[in-house]
Amino acid sequence: MPLLVVTVLMIALAVYGLATIPQGRFLIGGEDRMPRYFFHLMAETEEPFKDEEGDVITYFANVRAKALRIAKGVAAGEGEHFLEVYSVVVMDETGNEVLRIPLSAV
């Protein structure tokens, strides 16, 4: 199987908690380092709550677990309108969205 197909398959399985992406270091800006992820609360028509610091997390399964903890914590303390429109959106340090969890789904 081509590497791209295997990578996409591993990411898809990891999103659903069926596999973990192996620990890895990535070349970011020409440097070999661990990836940083940012956990934002976003809605299409509302002002976003952006994570300005982010977290360095090795395994994608841990990224997903943290996003779920955030979503559950926020959902427990907010009203119905907030739950219907907001999602926890995880972005990598290059600005690519890697995961989205609607608050209404938790």
N, C-alpha and C. Protein backbone atom coordinates (compact mmCIF):
# COMPACT_ATOMS: atom_id res chain seq x y z
N MET A 1 0.84 -1.18 0.00
CA MET A 1 0.00 0.00 0.00
C MET A 1 0.89 1.24 0.00
N PRO A 2 0.53 2.26 -0.76
CA PRO A 2 1.32 3.49 -0.74
C PRO A 2 1.27 4.13 0.65
N LEU A 3 2.35 4.83 1.00
CA LEU A 3 2.46 5.45 2.32
C LEU A 3 1.31 6.40 2.61
N LEU A 4 0.87 7.18 1.63
CA LEU A 4 -0.23 8.12 1.84
C LEU A 4 -1.51 7.40 2.24
N VAL A 5 -1.80 6.28 1.59
CA VAL A 5 -3.01 5.52 1.91
C VAL A 5 -2.93 4.97 3.34
N VAL A 6 -1.78 4.45 3.72
CA VAL A 6 -1.60 3.92 5.07
C VAL A 6 -1.74 5.03 6.10
N THR A 7 -1.15 6.19 5.82
CA THR A 7 -1.23 7.32 6.75
C THR A 7 -2.67 7.77 6.93
N VAL A 8 -3.41 7.93 5.85
CA VAL A 8 -4.82 8.35 5.93
C VAL A 8 -5.64 7.31 6.68
N LEU A 9 -5.40 6.05 6.43
CA LEU A 9 -6.11 4.98 7.13
C LEU A 9 -5.82 5.02 8.63
N MET A 10 -4.57 5.20 9.01
CA MET A 10 -4.21 5.27 10.44
C MET A 10 -4.88 6.47 11.11
N ILE A 11 -4.92 7.61 10.44
CA ILE A 11 -5.56 8.79 11.01
C ILE A 11 -7.05 8.53 11.19
N ALA A 12 -7.69 7.95 10.18
CA ALA A 12 -9.12 7.66 10.28
C ALA A 12 -9.41 6.71 11.43
N LEU A 13 -8.61 5.67 11.57
CA LEU A 13 -8.80 4.73 12.68
C LEU A 13 -8.56 5.40 14.03
N ALA A 14 -7.56 6.27 14.10
CA ALA A 14 -7.25 6.97 15.35
C ALA A 14 -8.38 7.89 15.76
N VAL A 15 -8.99 8.57 14.80
CA VAL A 15 -10.10 9.48 15.10
C VAL A 15 -11.23 8.73 15.78
N TYR A 16 -11.46 7.49 15.37
CA TYR A 16 -12.53 6.71 15.96
C TYR A 16 -12.05 5.84 17.12
N GLY A 17 -10.82 6.06 17.57
CA GLY A 17 -10.30 5.35 18.73
C GLY A 17 -9.97 3.89 18.48
N LEU A 18 -9.83 3.50 17.22
CA LEU A 18 -9.56 2.11 16.89
C LEU A 18 -8.08 1.82 16.71
N ALA A 19 -7.26 2.84 16.68
CA ALA A 19 -5.82 2.67 16.53
C ALA A 19 -5.14 3.90 17.07
N THR A 20 -3.87 3.79 17.33
CA THR A 20 -3.10 4.96 17.74
C THR A 20 -2.05 5.24 16.68
N ILE A 21 -1.76 6.49 16.49
CA ILE A 21 -0.71 6.87 15.57
C ILE A 21 0.60 6.74 16.34
N PRO A 22 1.59 6.09 15.77
CA PRO A 22 2.83 5.88 16.50
C PRO A 22 3.47 7.19 16.92
N GLN A 23 4.20 7.11 18.04
CA GLN A 23 4.93 8.28 18.51
C GLN A 23 5.84 8.74 17.39
N GLY A 24 5.91 10.03 17.21
CA GLY A 24 6.76 10.48 16.12
C GLY A 24 7.23 11.89 16.31
N ARG A 25 8.29 12.16 15.64
CA ARG A 25 8.83 13.50 15.57
C ARG A 25 8.60 13.95 14.14
N PHE A 26 8.40 15.22 13.96
CA PHE A 26 8.08 15.73 12.65
C PHE A 26 9.04 16.84 12.26
N LEU A 27 9.28 16.96 10.99
CA LEU A 27 10.05 18.09 10.49
C LEU A 27 9.09 19.26 10.33
N ILE A 28 9.26 20.26 11.17
CA ILE A 28 8.41 21.45 11.13
C ILE A 28 9.34 22.64 10.96
N GLY A 29 9.21 23.32 9.85
CA GLY A 29 10.09 24.46 9.60
C GLY A 29 11.55 24.04 9.53
N GLY A 30 11.81 22.82 9.04
CA GLY A 30 13.18 22.35 8.91
C GLY A 30 13.77 21.79 10.19
N GLU A 31 12.99 21.79 11.29
CA GLU A 31 13.47 21.28 12.57
C GLU A 31 12.76 19.98 12.91
N ASP A 32 13.48 19.09 13.55
CA ASP A 32 12.92 17.83 14.01
C ASP A 32 12.38 18.04 15.43
N ARG A 33 11.05 18.06 15.58
CA ARG A 33 10.48 18.29 16.91
C ARG A 33 9.09 17.68 17.03
N MET A 34 8.57 17.68 18.24
CA MET A 34 7.26 17.10 18.52
C MET A 34 6.17 18.07 18.08
N PRO A 35 5.02 17.53 17.64
CA PRO A 35 3.94 18.41 17.16
C PRO A 35 3.20 19.12 18.30
N ARG A 36 2.75 20.33 18.04
CA ARG A 36 1.96 21.11 18.98
C ARG A 36 0.55 21.21 18.42
N TYR A 37 -0.43 21.02 19.29
CA TYR A 37 -1.84 21.08 18.90
C TYR A 37 -2.54 22.18 19.69
N PHE A 38 -3.49 22.84 19.04
CA PHE A 38 -4.26 23.93 19.63
C PHE A 38 -5.72 23.52 19.69
N PHE A 39 -6.35 23.74 20.84
CA PHE A 39 -7.72 23.30 21.10
C PHE A 39 -8.62 24.53 21.18
N HIS A 40 -9.32 24.83 20.09
CA HIS A 40 -10.16 26.02 20.00
C HIS A 40 -11.63 25.64 20.19
N LEU A 41 -12.42 26.59 20.69
CA LEU A 41 -13.88 26.47 20.68
C LEU A 41 -14.35 27.39 19.57
N MET A 42 -15.00 26.80 18.57
CA MET A 42 -15.36 27.59 17.39
C MET A 42 -16.79 27.31 16.95
N ALA A 43 -17.39 28.34 16.36
CA ALA A 43 -18.70 28.23 15.73
C ALA A 43 -18.66 29.09 14.47
N GLU A 44 -19.51 28.76 13.52
CA GLU A 44 -19.48 29.49 12.25
C GLU A 44 -19.91 30.94 12.38
N THR A 45 -20.87 31.21 13.24
CA THR A 45 -21.41 32.57 13.33
C THR A 45 -21.06 33.28 14.63
N GLU A 46 -20.31 32.65 15.49
CA GLU A 46 -19.98 33.22 16.80
C GLU A 46 -18.48 33.50 16.90
N GLU A 47 -18.11 34.31 17.86
CA GLU A 47 -16.70 34.62 18.11
C GLU A 47 -15.98 33.38 18.65
N PRO A 48 -14.84 33.01 18.07
CA PRO A 48 -14.12 31.82 18.57
C PRO A 48 -13.39 32.09 19.87
N PHE A 49 -13.19 31.03 20.63
CA PHE A 49 -12.35 31.07 21.82
C PHE A 49 -11.09 30.29 21.43
N LYS A 50 -9.99 31.01 21.22
CA LYS A 50 -8.79 30.37 20.68
C LYS A 50 -7.78 30.03 21.76
N ASP A 51 -7.20 28.87 21.62
CA ASP A 51 -6.09 28.40 22.45
C ASP A 51 -4.82 29.00 21.86
N GLU A 52 -4.21 29.92 22.57
CA GLU A 52 -3.03 30.61 22.05
C GLU A 52 -1.73 29.87 22.36
N GLU A 53 -1.74 28.97 23.34
CA GLU A 53 -0.51 28.29 23.75
C GLU A 53 -0.36 26.91 23.13
N GLY A 54 -1.42 26.15 23.08
CA GLY A 54 -1.35 24.80 22.56
C GLY A 54 -0.62 23.86 23.49
N ASP A 55 -0.57 22.59 23.10
CA ASP A 55 0.10 21.56 23.87
C ASP A 55 0.89 20.66 22.93
N VAL A 56 2.08 20.26 23.38
CA VAL A 56 2.87 19.28 22.65
C VAL A 56 2.36 17.91 23.09
N ILE A 57 1.84 17.15 22.13
CA ILE A 57 1.27 15.84 22.42
C ILE A 57 1.80 14.84 21.40
N THR A 58 2.31 13.74 21.90
CA THR A 58 2.97 12.76 21.03
C THR A 58 1.99 11.90 20.24
N TYR A 59 1.02 11.31 20.90
CA TYR A 59 0.11 10.38 20.25
C TYR A 59 -1.20 11.07 19.89
N PHE A 60 -1.71 10.79 18.67
CA PHE A 60 -2.97 11.40 18.25
C PHE A 60 -4.13 10.94 19.13
N ALA A 61 -4.07 9.72 19.64
CA ALA A 61 -5.13 9.25 20.55
C ALA A 61 -5.22 10.15 21.77
N ASN A 62 -4.11 10.68 22.24
CA ASN A 62 -4.11 11.60 23.38
C ASN A 62 -4.68 12.96 22.99
N VAL A 63 -4.45 13.37 21.75
CA VAL A 63 -5.06 14.61 21.24
C VAL A 63 -6.57 14.46 21.26
N ARG A 64 -7.05 13.35 20.75
CA ARG A 64 -8.49 13.09 20.71
C ARG A 64 -9.08 13.02 22.12
N ALA A 65 -8.39 12.37 23.04
CA ALA A 65 -8.88 12.26 24.42
C ALA A 65 -8.96 13.63 25.07
N LYS A 66 -7.97 14.48 24.85
CA LYS A 66 -8.01 15.82 25.43
C LYS A 66 -9.16 16.63 24.84
N ALA A 67 -9.36 16.53 23.53
CA ALA A 67 -10.46 17.26 22.88
C ALA A 67 -11.81 16.81 23.46
N LEU A 68 -11.96 15.52 23.68
CA LEU A 68 -13.21 15.01 24.28
C LEU A 68 -13.40 15.51 25.70
N ARG A 69 -12.32 15.54 26.51
CA ARG A 69 -12.41 16.07 27.88
C ARG A 69 -12.84 17.53 27.86
N ILE A 70 -12.26 18.31 26.95
CA ILE A 70 -12.63 19.73 26.85
C ILE A 70 -14.09 19.85 26.46
N ALA A 71 -14.50 19.10 25.44
CA ALA A 71 -15.88 19.18 24.96
C ALA A 71 -16.87 18.81 26.06
N LYS A 72 -16.60 17.75 26.79
CA LYS A 72 -17.49 17.33 27.88
C LYS A 72 -17.53 18.36 29.00
N GLY A 73 -16.38 18.93 29.33
CA GLY A 73 -16.33 19.94 30.39
C GLY A 73 -17.10 21.19 30.03
N VAL A 74 -16.95 21.65 28.80
CA VAL A 74 -17.66 22.85 28.35
C VAL A 74 -19.15 22.56 28.24
N ALA A 75 -19.49 21.41 27.66
CA ALA A 75 -20.90 21.05 27.47
C ALA A 75 -21.65 20.96 28.79
N ALA A 76 -20.97 20.54 29.85
CA ALA A 76 -21.61 20.39 31.15
C ALA A 76 -22.01 21.73 31.75
N GLY A 77 -21.36 22.82 31.34
CA GLY A 77 -21.62 24.10 31.97
C GLY A 77 -22.26 25.15 31.09
N GLU A 78 -22.70 24.78 29.91
CA GLU A 78 -23.23 25.78 28.98
C GLU A 78 -24.68 25.49 28.62
N GLY A 79 -25.33 26.51 28.06
CA GLY A 79 -26.72 26.41 27.63
C GLY A 79 -26.88 25.70 26.30
N GLU A 80 -28.13 25.42 25.95
CA GLU A 80 -28.44 24.65 24.75
C GLU A 80 -27.96 25.32 23.47
N HIS A 81 -28.12 26.64 23.35
CA HIS A 81 -27.66 27.34 22.13
C HIS A 81 -26.17 27.15 21.92
N PHE A 82 -25.40 27.28 22.99
CA PHE A 82 -23.94 27.12 22.91
C PHE A 82 -23.60 25.71 22.42
N LEU A 83 -24.30 24.71 22.94
CA LEU A 83 -24.04 23.32 22.56
C LEU A 83 -24.36 23.06 21.10
N GLU A 84 -25.37 23.73 20.59
CA GLU A 84 -25.78 23.51 19.20
C GLU A 84 -24.82 24.11 18.18
N VAL A 85 -24.13 25.19 18.53
CA VAL A 85 -23.33 25.89 17.53
C VAL A 85 -21.82 25.73 17.68
N TYR A 86 -21.34 25.37 18.87
CA TYR A 86 -19.89 25.31 19.07
C TYR A 86 -19.33 23.90 18.93
N SER A 87 -18.07 23.84 18.54
CA SER A 87 -17.30 22.60 18.45
C SER A 87 -15.92 22.84 19.03
N VAL A 88 -15.30 21.79 19.54
CA VAL A 88 -13.88 21.84 19.86
C VAL A 88 -13.17 21.51 18.55
N VAL A 89 -12.35 22.44 18.10
CA VAL A 89 -11.61 22.27 16.85
C VAL A 89 -10.13 22.21 17.18
N VAL A 90 -9.50 21.11 16.80
CA VAL A 90 -8.07 20.93 17.07
C VAL A 90 -7.31 21.23 15.79
N MET A 91 -6.30 22.08 15.93
CA MET A 91 -5.45 22.42 14.79
C MET A 91 -4.00 22.13 15.15
N ASP A 92 -3.26 21.72 14.13
CA ASP A 92 -1.82 21.54 14.36
C ASP A 92 -1.14 22.90 14.22
N GLU A 93 0.14 22.94 14.46
CA GLU A 93 0.83 24.23 14.49
C GLU A 93 0.99 24.87 13.12
N THR A 94 0.66 24.13 12.06
CA THR A 94 0.69 24.74 10.73
C THR A 94 -0.68 25.31 10.36
N GLY A 95 -1.67 25.18 11.27
CA GLY A 95 -3.00 25.73 11.04
C GLY A 95 -3.97 24.78 10.38
N ASN A 96 -3.59 23.52 10.21
CA ASN A 96 -4.48 22.53 9.62
C ASN A 96 -5.40 21.95 10.68
N GLU A 97 -6.69 21.89 10.37
CA GLU A 97 -7.64 21.25 11.28
C GLU A 97 -7.44 19.75 11.23
N VAL A 98 -7.24 19.15 12.41
CA VAL A 98 -7.01 17.71 12.47
C VAL A 98 -8.15 16.96 13.14
N LEU A 99 -9.02 17.68 13.84
CA LEU A 99 -10.14 17.04 14.53
C LEU A 99 -11.18 18.09 14.88
N ARG A 100 -12.46 17.70 14.79
CA ARG A 100 -13.57 18.58 15.18
C ARG A 100 -14.57 17.73 15.94
N ILE A 101 -14.93 18.19 17.15
CA ILE A 101 -15.93 17.49 17.96
C ILE A 101 -17.02 18.49 18.32
N PRO A 102 -18.22 18.34 17.71
CA PRO A 102 -19.33 19.22 18.08
C PRO A 102 -19.73 18.99 19.54
N LEU A 103 -19.99 20.08 20.26
CA LEU A 103 -20.40 19.93 21.66
C LEU A 103 -21.71 19.18 21.77
N SER A 104 -22.55 19.26 20.75
CA SER A 104 -23.82 18.54 20.77
C SER A 104 -23.63 17.03 20.68
N ALA A 105 -22.43 16.57 20.32
CA ALA A 105 -22.17 15.14 20.16
C ALA A 105 -21.68 14.46 21.44
N VAL A 106 -21.43 15.26 22.51
CA VAL A 106 -20.90 14.64 23.73
C VAL A 106 -21.93 14.59 24.83
